[in-house]
């Protein structure tokens, strides 16, 4: 993954808007899906608090920003939340 993509993910998590709940689903570059209900950052690493333990009982996962492929948000959110976070454009009205 390009260094600029890594920095975009890092910036998103470091400046996560307060109006967006810190939960969702992270998909890694290895196509691993991790539902999370909270996170913390440290340097080039993200720590996710899993929604439920995995089959081995793991409750937390550490991932480098370069390993993030996608983040899905599970809460219904309004357009204003994203525009206040710097996104441009509009949602469909129908």
PDB file of N, CA and C in Angstrom:
ATOM      1  N   UNK A   1       0.850  -1.175   0.000  1.00  0.00           N
ATOM      2  CA  UNK A   1       0.000   0.000   0.000  1.00  0.00           C
ATOM      3  C   UNK A   1       0.890   1.230   0.000  1.00  0.00           C
ATOM      4  N   UNK A   2       0.506   2.237  -0.702  1.00  0.00           N
ATOM      5  CA  UNK A   2       1.296   3.450  -0.830  1.00  0.00           C
ATOM      6  C   UNK A   2       1.382   4.176   0.504  1.00  0.00           C
ATOM      7  N   UNK A   3       2.492   4.873   0.697  1.00  0.00           N
ATOM      8  CA  UNK A   3       2.702   5.620   1.938  1.00  0.00           C
ATOM      9  C   UNK A   3       1.621   6.667   2.144  1.00  0.00           C
ATOM     10  N   UNK A   4       1.125   7.268   1.068  1.00  0.00           N
ATOM     11  CA  UNK A   4       0.085   8.284   1.229  1.00  0.00           C
ATOM     12  C   UNK A   4      -1.205   7.672   1.769  1.00  0.00           C
ATOM     13  N   UNK A   5      -1.549   6.456   1.398  1.00  0.00           N
ATOM     14  CA  UNK A   5      -2.729   5.782   1.944  1.00  0.00           C
ATOM     15  C   UNK A   5      -2.549   5.529   3.439  1.00  0.00           C
ATOM     16  N   UNK A   6      -1.369   5.126   3.825  1.00  0.00           N
ATOM     17  CA  UNK A   6      -1.079   4.894   5.247  1.00  0.00           C
ATOM     18  C   UNK A   6      -1.296   6.186   6.032  1.00  0.00           C
ATOM     19  N   UNK A   7      -0.823   7.294   5.491  1.00  0.00           N
ATOM     20  CA  UNK A   7      -0.956   8.577   6.176  1.00  0.00           C
ATOM     21  C   UNK A   7      -2.411   9.040   6.230  1.00  0.00           C
ATOM     22  N   UNK A   8      -3.181   8.751   5.190  1.00  0.00           N
ATOM     23  CA  UNK A   8      -4.608   9.109   5.188  1.00  0.00           C
ATOM     24  C   UNK A   8      -5.342   8.361   6.300  1.00  0.00           C
ATOM     25  N   UNK A   9      -5.072   7.055   6.447  1.00  0.00           N
ATOM     26  CA  UNK A   9      -5.708   6.277   7.523  1.00  0.00           C
ATOM     27  C   UNK A   9      -5.273   6.797   8.888  1.00  0.00           C
ATOM     28  N   UNK A  10      -3.988   7.078   9.029  1.00  0.00           N
ATOM     29  CA  UNK A  10      -3.466   7.590  10.306  1.00  0.00           C
ATOM     30  C   UNK A  10      -4.152   8.901  10.672  1.00  0.00           C
ATOM     31  N   UNK A  11      -4.243   9.790   9.717  1.00  0.00           N
ATOM     32  CA  UNK A  11      -4.892  11.085   9.939  1.00  0.00           C
ATOM     33  C   UNK A  11      -6.358  10.914  10.335  1.00  0.00           C
ATOM     34  N   UNK A  12      -7.058   9.994   9.676  1.00  0.00           N
ATOM     35  CA  UNK A  12      -8.461   9.751  10.002  1.00  0.00           C
ATOM     36  C   UNK A  12      -8.619   9.319  11.456  1.00  0.00           C
ATOM     37  N   UNK A  13      -7.824   8.348  11.891  1.00  0.00           N
ATOM     38  CA  UNK A  13      -7.965   7.854  13.259  1.00  0.00           C
ATOM     39  C   UNK A  13      -7.456   8.855  14.292  1.00  0.00           C
ATOM     40  N   UNK A  14      -6.409   9.599  13.979  1.00  0.00           N
ATOM     41  CA  UNK A  14      -5.907  10.603  14.920  1.00  0.00           C
ATOM     42  C   UNK A  14      -6.893  11.748  15.112  1.00  0.00           C
ATOM     43  N   UNK A  15      -7.596  12.118  14.047  1.00  0.00           N
ATOM     44  CA  UNK A  15      -8.532  13.245  14.106  1.00  0.00           C
ATOM     45  C   UNK A  15      -9.972  12.786  13.948  1.00  0.00           C
ATOM     46  N   UNK A  16     -10.284  11.616  14.484  1.00  0.00           N
ATOM     47  CA  UNK A  16     -11.624  11.042  14.382  1.00  0.00           C
ATOM     48  C   UNK A  16     -12.634  12.046  14.927  1.00  0.00           C
ATOM     49  N   UNK A  17     -13.630  12.438  14.142  1.00  0.00           N
ATOM     50  CA  UNK A  17     -14.619  13.426  14.608  1.00  0.00           C
ATOM     51  C   UNK A  17     -15.398  12.914  15.820  1.00  0.00           C
ATOM     52  N   UNK A  18     -15.590  13.777  16.797  1.00  0.00           N
ATOM     53  CA  UNK A  18     -16.320  13.402  18.009  1.00  0.00           C
ATOM     54  C   UNK A  18     -17.753  12.996  17.708  1.00  0.00           C
ATOM     55  N   UNK A  19     -18.311  13.491  16.592  1.00  0.00           N
ATOM     56  CA  UNK A  19     -19.701  13.188  16.247  1.00  0.00           C
ATOM     57  C   UNK A  19     -19.881  11.812  15.596  1.00  0.00           C
ATOM     58  N   UNK A  20     -18.780  11.120  15.339  1.00  0.00           N
ATOM     59  CA  UNK A  20     -18.858   9.768  14.763  1.00  0.00           C
ATOM     60  C   UNK A  20     -18.478   8.767  15.851  1.00  0.00           C
ATOM     61  N   UNK A  21     -19.376   7.842  16.199  1.00  0.00           N
ATOM     62  CA  UNK A  21     -19.032   6.835  17.214  1.00  0.00           C
ATOM     63  C   UNK A  21     -17.771   6.064  16.804  1.00  0.00           C
ATOM     64  N   UNK A  22     -16.956   5.718  17.781  1.00  0.00           N
ATOM     65  CA  UNK A  22     -15.697   5.000  17.515  1.00  0.00           C
ATOM     66  C   UNK A  22     -15.955   3.509  17.378  1.00  0.00           C
ATOM     67  N   UNK A  23     -16.834   3.158  16.468  1.00  0.00           N
ATOM     68  CA  UNK A  23     -17.100   1.747  16.218  1.00  0.00           C
ATOM     69  C   UNK A  23     -17.368   1.538  14.737  1.00  0.00           C
ATOM     70  N   UNK A  24     -17.132   0.316  14.321  1.00  0.00           N
ATOM     71  CA  UNK A  24     -17.317  -0.024  12.924  1.00  0.00           C
ATOM     72  C   UNK A  24     -16.680  -1.366  12.631  1.00  0.00           C
ATOM     73  N   UNK A  25     -16.253  -1.533  11.392  1.00  0.00           N
ATOM     74  CA  UNK A  25     -15.617  -2.772  10.950  1.00  0.00           C
ATOM     75  C   UNK A  25     -14.390  -2.394  10.135  1.00  0.00           C
ATOM     76  N   UNK A  26     -13.242  -2.918  10.519  1.00  0.00           N
ATOM     77  CA  UNK A  26     -12.005  -2.690   9.770  1.00  0.00           C
ATOM     78  C   UNK A  26     -11.723  -3.914   8.921  1.00  0.00           C
ATOM     79  N   UNK A  27     -11.418  -3.691   7.655  1.00  0.00           N
ATOM     80  CA  UNK A  27     -11.025  -4.760   6.744  1.00  0.00           C
ATOM     81  C   UNK A  27      -9.552  -4.546   6.417  1.00  0.00           C
ATOM     82  N   UNK A  28      -8.737  -5.553   6.675  1.00  0.00           N
ATOM     83  CA  UNK A  28      -7.301  -5.425   6.444  1.00  0.00           C
ATOM     84  C   UNK A  28      -6.946  -5.734   4.997  1.00  0.00           C
ATOM     85  N   UNK A  29      -5.708  -5.451   4.649  1.00  0.00           N
ATOM     86  CA  UNK A  29      -5.221  -5.765   3.306  1.00  0.00           C
ATOM     87  C   UNK A  29      -5.177  -7.266   3.067  1.00  0.00           C
ATOM     88  N   UNK A  30      -5.239  -8.068   4.139  1.00  0.00           N
ATOM     89  CA  UNK A  30      -5.306  -9.529   4.017  1.00  0.00           C
ATOM     90  C   UNK A  30      -6.752 -10.026   4.009  1.00  0.00           C
ATOM     91  N   UNK A  31      -7.682  -9.070   3.908  1.00  0.00           N
ATOM     92  CA  UNK A  31      -9.117  -9.359   3.866  1.00  0.00           C
ATOM     93  C   UNK A  31      -9.653  -9.931   5.179  1.00  0.00           C
ATOM     94  N   UNK A  32      -8.996  -9.606   6.291  1.00  0.00           N
ATOM     95  CA  UNK A  32      -9.490  -9.995   7.607  1.00  0.00           C
ATOM     96  C   UNK A  32     -10.474  -8.923   8.066  1.00  0.00           C
ATOM     97  N   UNK A  33     -11.599  -9.347   8.588  1.00  0.00           N
ATOM     98  CA  UNK A  33     -12.647  -8.435   9.025  1.00  0.00           C
ATOM     99  C   UNK A  33     -12.642  -8.370  10.547  1.00  0.00           C
ATOM    100  N   UNK A  34     -12.537  -7.148  11.100  1.00  0.00           N
ATOM    101  CA  UNK A  34     -12.501  -6.969  12.544  1.00  0.00           C
ATOM    102  C   UNK A  34     -13.536  -5.938  12.970  1.00  0.00           C
ATOM    103  N   UNK A  35     -14.654  -6.379  13.565  1.00  0.00           N
ATOM    104  CA  UNK A  35     -15.594  -5.425  14.144  1.00  0.00           C
ATOM    105  C   UNK A  35     -14.949  -4.803  15.386  1.00  0.00           C
ATOM    106  N   UNK A  36     -15.120  -3.489  15.561  1.00  0.00           N
ATOM    107  CA  UNK A  36     -14.529  -2.839  16.732  1.00  0.00           C
ATOM    108  C   UNK A  36     -15.515  -1.875  17.369  1.00  0.00           C
ATOM    109  N   UNK A  37     -15.320  -1.649  18.682  1.00  0.00           N
ATOM    110  CA  UNK A  37     -16.186  -0.742  19.434  1.00  0.00           C
ATOM    111  C   UNK A  37     -15.399   0.386  20.082  1.00  0.00           C
ATOM    112  N   UNK A  38     -14.132   0.463  19.776  1.00  0.00           N
ATOM    113  CA  UNK A  38     -13.279   1.532  20.283  1.00  0.00           C
ATOM    114  C   UNK A  38     -11.875   1.350  19.740  1.00  0.00           C
ATOM    115  N   UNK A  39     -11.069   2.409  19.832  1.00  0.00           N
ATOM    116  CA  UNK A  39      -9.695   2.316  19.352  1.00  0.00           C
ATOM    117  C   UNK A  39      -8.806   3.338  20.049  1.00  0.00           C
ATOM    118  N   UNK A  40      -7.519   3.083  19.976  1.00  0.00           N
ATOM    119  CA  UNK A  40      -6.498   4.007  20.466  1.00  0.00           C
ATOM    120  C   UNK A  40      -5.375   4.027  19.430  1.00  0.00           C
ATOM    121  N   UNK A  41      -4.614   5.111  19.406  1.00  0.00           N
ATOM    122  CA  UNK A  41      -3.518   5.232  18.454  1.00  0.00           C
ATOM    123  C   UNK A  41      -2.203   5.438  19.186  1.00  0.00           C
ATOM    124  N   UNK A  42      -1.128   5.008  18.547  1.00  0.00           N
ATOM    125  CA  UNK A  42       0.220   5.239  19.065  1.00  0.00           C
ATOM    126  C   UNK A  42       1.179   5.182  17.883  1.00  0.00           C
ATOM    127  N   UNK A  43       1.740   6.311  17.537  1.00  0.00           N
ATOM    128  CA  UNK A  43       2.692   6.349  16.434  1.00  0.00           C
ATOM    129  C   UNK A  43       2.094   5.813  15.156  1.00  0.00           C
ATOM    130  N   UNK A  44       2.696   4.768  14.627  1.00  0.00           N
ATOM    131  CA  UNK A  44       2.255   4.167  13.367  1.00  0.00           C
ATOM    132  C   UNK A  44       1.350   2.958  13.581  1.00  0.00           C
ATOM    133  N   UNK A  45       0.785   2.845  14.806  1.00  0.00           N
ATOM    134  CA  UNK A  45      -0.019   1.672  15.126  1.00  0.00           C
ATOM    135  C   UNK A  45      -1.395   2.071  15.642  1.00  0.00           C
ATOM    136  N   UNK A  46      -2.363   1.269  15.285  1.00  0.00           N
ATOM    137  CA  UNK A  46      -3.735   1.431  15.741  1.00  0.00           C
ATOM    138  C   UNK A  46      -4.089   0.213  16.596  1.00  0.00           C
ATOM    139  N   UNK A  47      -4.711   0.452  17.754  1.00  0.00           N
ATOM    140  CA  UNK A  47      -5.183  -0.644  18.596  1.00  0.00           C
ATOM    141  C   UNK A  47      -6.702  -0.614  18.583  1.00  0.00           C
ATOM    142  N   UNK A  48      -7.310  -1.705  18.168  1.00  0.00           N
ATOM    143  CA  UNK A  48      -8.762  -1.816  18.115  1.00  0.00           C
ATOM    144  C   UNK A  48      -9.261  -2.648  19.286  1.00  0.00           C
ATOM    145  N   UNK A  49     -10.352  -2.202  19.881  1.00  0.00           N
ATOM    146  CA  UNK A  49     -11.056  -2.996  20.875  1.00  0.00           C
ATOM    147  C   UNK A  49     -12.157  -3.741  20.136  1.00  0.00           C
ATOM    148  N   UNK A  50     -12.028  -5.046  20.072  1.00  0.00           N
ATOM    149  CA  UNK A  50     -12.982  -5.853  19.318  1.00  0.00           C
ATOM    150  C   UNK A  50     -14.374  -5.784  19.950  1.00  0.00           C
ATOM    151  N   UNK A  51     -15.401  -5.891  19.124  1.00  0.00           N
ATOM    152  CA  UNK A  51     -16.771  -5.925  19.610  1.00  0.00           C
ATOM    153  C   UNK A  51     -17.000  -7.178  20.457  1.00  0.00           C
ATOM    154  N   UNK A  52     -16.503  -8.304  19.985  1.00  0.00           N
ATOM    155  CA  UNK A  52     -16.568  -9.577  20.701  1.00  0.00           C
ATOM    156  C   UNK A  52     -15.209 -10.251  20.572  1.00  0.00           C
ATOM    157  N   UNK A  53     -14.808 -11.045  21.561  1.00  0.00           N
ATOM    158  CA  UNK A  53     -13.546 -11.763  21.415  1.00  0.00           C
ATOM    159  C   UNK A  53     -13.572 -12.685  20.198  1.00  0.00           C
ATOM    160  N   UNK A  54     -12.424 -12.878  19.586  1.00  0.00           N
ATOM    161  CA  UNK A  54     -12.351 -13.825  18.464  1.00  0.00           C
ATOM    162  C   UNK A  54     -12.352 -15.246  19.020  1.00  0.00           C
ATOM    163  N   UNK A  55     -12.322 -16.281  18.176  1.00  0.00           N
ATOM    164  CA  UNK A  55     -12.391 -17.665  18.674  1.00  0.00           C
ATOM    165  C   UNK A  55     -11.276 -18.034  19.659  1.00  0.00           C
ATOM    166  N   UNK A  56     -10.157 -17.312  19.625  1.00  0.00           N
ATOM    167  CA  UNK A  56      -9.074 -17.586  20.568  1.00  0.00           C
ATOM    168  C   UNK A  56      -9.185 -16.757  21.842  1.00  0.00           C
ATOM    169  N   UNK A  57     -10.204 -15.891  21.910  1.00  0.00           N
ATOM    170  CA  UNK A  57     -10.411 -15.060  23.096  1.00  0.00           C
ATOM    171  C   UNK A  57      -9.760 -13.687  23.015  1.00  0.00           C
ATOM    172  N   UNK A  58      -9.189 -13.340  21.869  1.00  0.00           N
ATOM    173  CA  UNK A  58      -8.518 -12.043  21.726  1.00  0.00           C
ATOM    174  C   UNK A  58      -9.534 -10.913  21.715  1.00  0.00           C
ATOM    175  N   UNK A  59      -9.289  -9.923  22.554  1.00  0.00           N
ATOM    176  CA  UNK A  59     -10.197  -8.781  22.669  1.00  0.00           C
ATOM    177  C   UNK A  59      -9.645  -7.523  22.017  1.00  0.00           C
ATOM    178  N   UNK A  60      -8.345  -7.491  21.781  1.00  0.00           N
ATOM    179  CA  UNK A  60      -7.697  -6.322  21.189  1.00  0.00           C
ATOM    180  C   UNK A  60      -6.830  -6.755  20.019  1.00  0.00           C
ATOM    181  N   UNK A  61      -6.685  -5.858  19.049  1.00  0.00           N
ATOM    182  CA  UNK A  61      -5.845  -6.160  17.902  1.00  0.00           C
ATOM    183  C   UNK A  61      -5.017  -4.914  17.596  1.00  0.00           C
ATOM    184  N   UNK A  62      -3.744  -5.122  17.312  1.00  0.00           N
ATOM    185  CA  UNK A  62      -2.850  -4.047  16.909  1.00  0.00           C
ATOM    186  C   UNK A  62      -2.627  -4.171  15.410  1.00  0.00           C
ATOM    187  N   UNK A  63      -2.747  -3.064  14.701  1.00  0.00           N
ATOM    188  CA  UNK A  63      -2.588  -3.094  13.250  1.00  0.00           C
ATOM    189  C   UNK A  63      -1.849  -1.836  12.805  1.00  0.00           C
ATOM    190  N   UNK A  64      -0.956  -2.004  11.850  1.00  0.00           N
ATOM    191  CA  UNK A  64      -0.280  -0.856  11.255  1.00  0.00           C
ATOM    192  C   UNK A  64      -1.203  -0.197  10.244  1.00  0.00           C
ATOM    193  N   UNK A  65      -1.073   1.099  10.083  1.00  0.00           N
ATOM    194  CA  UNK A  65      -1.936   1.812   9.133  1.00  0.00           C
ATOM    195  C   UNK A  65      -1.761   1.315   7.703  1.00  0.00           C
ATOM    196  N   UNK A  66      -0.596   0.780   7.401  1.00  0.00           N
ATOM    197  CA  UNK A  66      -0.358   0.269   6.048  1.00  0.00           C
ATOM    198  C   UNK A  66      -1.125  -1.017   5.769  1.00  0.00           C
ATOM    199  N   UNK A  67      -1.690  -1.648   6.816  1.00  0.00           N
ATOM    200  CA  UNK A  67      -2.439  -2.891   6.644  1.00  0.00           C
ATOM    201  C   UNK A  67      -3.948  -2.661   6.561  1.00  0.00           C
ATOM    202  N   UNK A  68      -4.384  -1.393   6.601  1.00  0.00           N
ATOM    203  CA  UNK A  68      -5.816  -1.098   6.538  1.00  0.00           C
ATOM    204  C   UNK A  68      -6.243  -0.957   5.083  1.00  0.00           C
ATOM    205  N   UNK A  69      -7.257  -1.722   4.711  1.00  0.00           N
ATOM    206  CA  UNK A  69      -7.806  -1.635   3.362  1.00  0.00           C
ATOM    207  C   UNK A  69      -9.084  -0.796   3.347  1.00  0.00           C
ATOM    208  N   UNK A  70      -9.928  -0.979   4.376  1.00  0.00           N
ATOM    209  CA  UNK A  70     -11.231  -0.327   4.377  1.00  0.00           C
ATOM    210  C   UNK A  70     -11.746  -0.237   5.810  1.00  0.00           C
ATOM    211  N   UNK A  71     -12.545   0.779   6.086  1.00  0.00           N
ATOM    212  CA  UNK A  71     -13.253   0.902   7.355  1.00  0.00           C
ATOM    213  C   UNK A  71     -14.726   1.123   7.032  1.00  0.00           C
ATOM    214  N   UNK A  72     -15.562   0.304   7.644  1.00  0.00           N
ATOM    215  CA  UNK A  72     -17.013   0.422   7.461  1.00  0.00           C
ATOM    216  C   UNK A  72     -17.607   0.977   8.749  1.00  0.00           C
ATOM    217  N   UNK A  73     -18.502   1.948   8.621  1.00  0.00           N
ATOM    218  CA  UNK A  73     -19.185   2.503   9.781  1.00  0.00           C
ATOM    219  C   UNK A  73     -20.563   1.869   9.887  1.00  0.00           C
ATOM    220  N   UNK A  74     -20.924   1.431  11.076  1.00  0.00           N
ATOM    221  CA  UNK A  74     -22.154   0.673  11.256  1.00  0.00           C
ATOM    222  C   UNK A  74     -23.316   1.513  11.775  1.00  0.00           C
ATOM    223  N   UNK A  75     -23.026   2.725  12.245  1.00  0.00           N
ATOM    224  CA  UNK A  75     -24.081   3.589  12.769  1.00  0.00           C
ATOM    225  C   UNK A  75     -24.693   4.434  11.659  1.00  0.00           C
ATOM    226  N   UNK A  76     -26.013   4.669  11.721  1.00  0.00           N
ATOM    227  CA  UNK A  76     -26.608   5.604  10.760  1.00  0.00           C
ATOM    228  C   UNK A  76     -26.122   7.013  11.093  1.00  0.00           C
ATOM    229  N   UNK A  77     -25.634   7.723  10.090  1.00  0.00           N
ATOM    230  CA  UNK A  77     -25.079   9.061  10.302  1.00  0.00           C
ATOM    231  C   UNK A  77     -25.651  10.031   9.290  1.00  0.00           C
ATOM    232  N   UNK A  78     -25.636  11.299   9.639  1.00  0.00           N
ATOM    233  CA  UNK A  78     -26.139  12.346   8.755  1.00  0.00           C
ATOM    234  C   UNK A  78     -25.006  12.933   7.920  1.00  0.00           C
ATOM    235  N   UNK A  79     -25.371  13.502   6.822  1.00  0.00           N
ATOM    236  CA  UNK A  79     -24.419  14.130   5.911  1.00  0.00           C
ATOM    237  C   UNK A  79     -23.556  15.179   6.625  1.00  0.00           C
ATOM    238  N   UNK A  80     -24.151  15.939   7.544  1.00  0.00           N
ATOM    239  CA  UNK A  80     -23.432  17.008   8.251  1.00  0.00           C
ATOM    240  C   UNK A  80     -22.228  16.484   9.036  1.00  0.00           C
ATOM    241  N   UNK A  81     -22.344  15.261   9.535  1.00  0.00           N
ATOM    242  CA  UNK A  81     -21.233  14.661  10.283  1.00  0.00           C
ATOM    243  C   UNK A  81     -20.002  14.556   9.388  1.00  0.00           C
ATOM    244  N   UNK A  82     -20.203  14.172   8.160  1.00  0.00           N
ATOM    245  CA  UNK A  82     -19.081  13.983   7.240  1.00  0.00           C
ATOM    246  C   UNK A  82     -18.555  15.295   6.680  1.00  0.00           C
ATOM    247  N   UNK A  83     -19.454  16.225   6.403  1.00  0.00           N
ATOM    248  CA  UNK A  83     -18.983  17.512   5.892  1.00  0.00           C
ATOM    249  C   UNK A  83     -18.183  18.248   6.959  1.00  0.00           C
ATOM    250  N   UNK A  84     -18.584  18.111   8.238  1.00  0.00           N
ATOM    251  CA  UNK A  84     -17.811  18.755   9.318  1.00  0.00           C
ATOM    252  C   UNK A  84     -16.458  18.080   9.496  1.00  0.00           C
ATOM    253  N   UNK A  85     -16.314  16.850   8.999  1.00  0.00           N
ATOM    254  CA  UNK A  85     -15.038  16.137   9.063  1.00  0.00           C
ATOM    255  C   UNK A  85     -14.187  16.392   7.833  1.00  0.00           C
ATOM    256  N   UNK A  86     -14.675  17.263   6.911  1.00  0.00           N
ATOM    257  CA  UNK A  86     -13.876  17.616   5.749  1.00  0.00           C
ATOM    258  C   UNK A  86     -14.263  16.940   4.452  1.00  0.00           C
ATOM    259  N   UNK A  87     -15.259  16.074   4.467  1.00  0.00           N
ATOM    260  CA  UNK A  87     -15.695  15.417   3.240  1.00  0.00           C
ATOM    261  C   UNK A  87     -16.554  16.394   2.433  1.00  0.00           C
ATOM    262  N   UNK A  88     -16.481  16.291   1.121  1.00  0.00           N
ATOM    263  CA  UNK A  88     -17.280  17.161   0.248  1.00  0.00           C
ATOM    264  C   UNK A  88     -18.221  16.309  -0.583  1.00  0.00           C
ATOM    265  N   UNK A  89     -19.316  16.928  -1.022  1.00  0.00           N
ATOM    266  CA  UNK A  89     -20.308  16.228  -1.823  1.00  0.00           C
ATOM    267  C   UNK A  89     -21.613  16.131  -1.057  1.00  0.00           C
ATOM    268  N   UNK A  90     -22.515  15.331  -1.581  1.00  0.00           N
ATOM    269  CA  UNK A  90     -23.821  15.166  -0.959  1.00  0.00           C
ATOM    270  C   UNK A  90     -24.269  13.722  -1.039  1.00  0.00           C
ATOM    271  N   UNK A  91     -25.055  13.325  -0.031  1.00  0.00           N
ATOM    272  CA  UNK A  91     -25.693  12.019  -0.062  1.00  0.00           C
ATOM    273  C   UNK A  91     -26.911  12.083  -0.984  1.00  0.00           C
ATOM    274  N   UNK A  92     -27.354  10.935  -1.433  1.00  0.00           N
ATOM    275  CA  UNK A  92     -28.588  10.861  -2.224  1.00  0.00           C
ATOM    276  C   UNK A  92     -29.754  11.302  -1.357  1.00  0.00           C
ATOM    277  N   UNK A  93     -30.685  11.986  -1.938  1.00  0.00           N
ATOM    278  CA  UNK A  93     -31.833  12.504  -1.188  1.00  0.00           C
ATOM    279  C   UNK A  93     -33.016  11.552  -1.217  1.00  0.00           C
ATOM    280  N   UNK A  94     -32.952  10.498  -2.015  1.00  0.00           N
ATOM    281  CA  UNK A  94     -34.055   9.533  -2.087  1.00  0.00           C
ATOM    282  C   UNK A  94     -33.591   8.153  -1.754  1.00  0.00           C
TER     283      UNK A  94
END
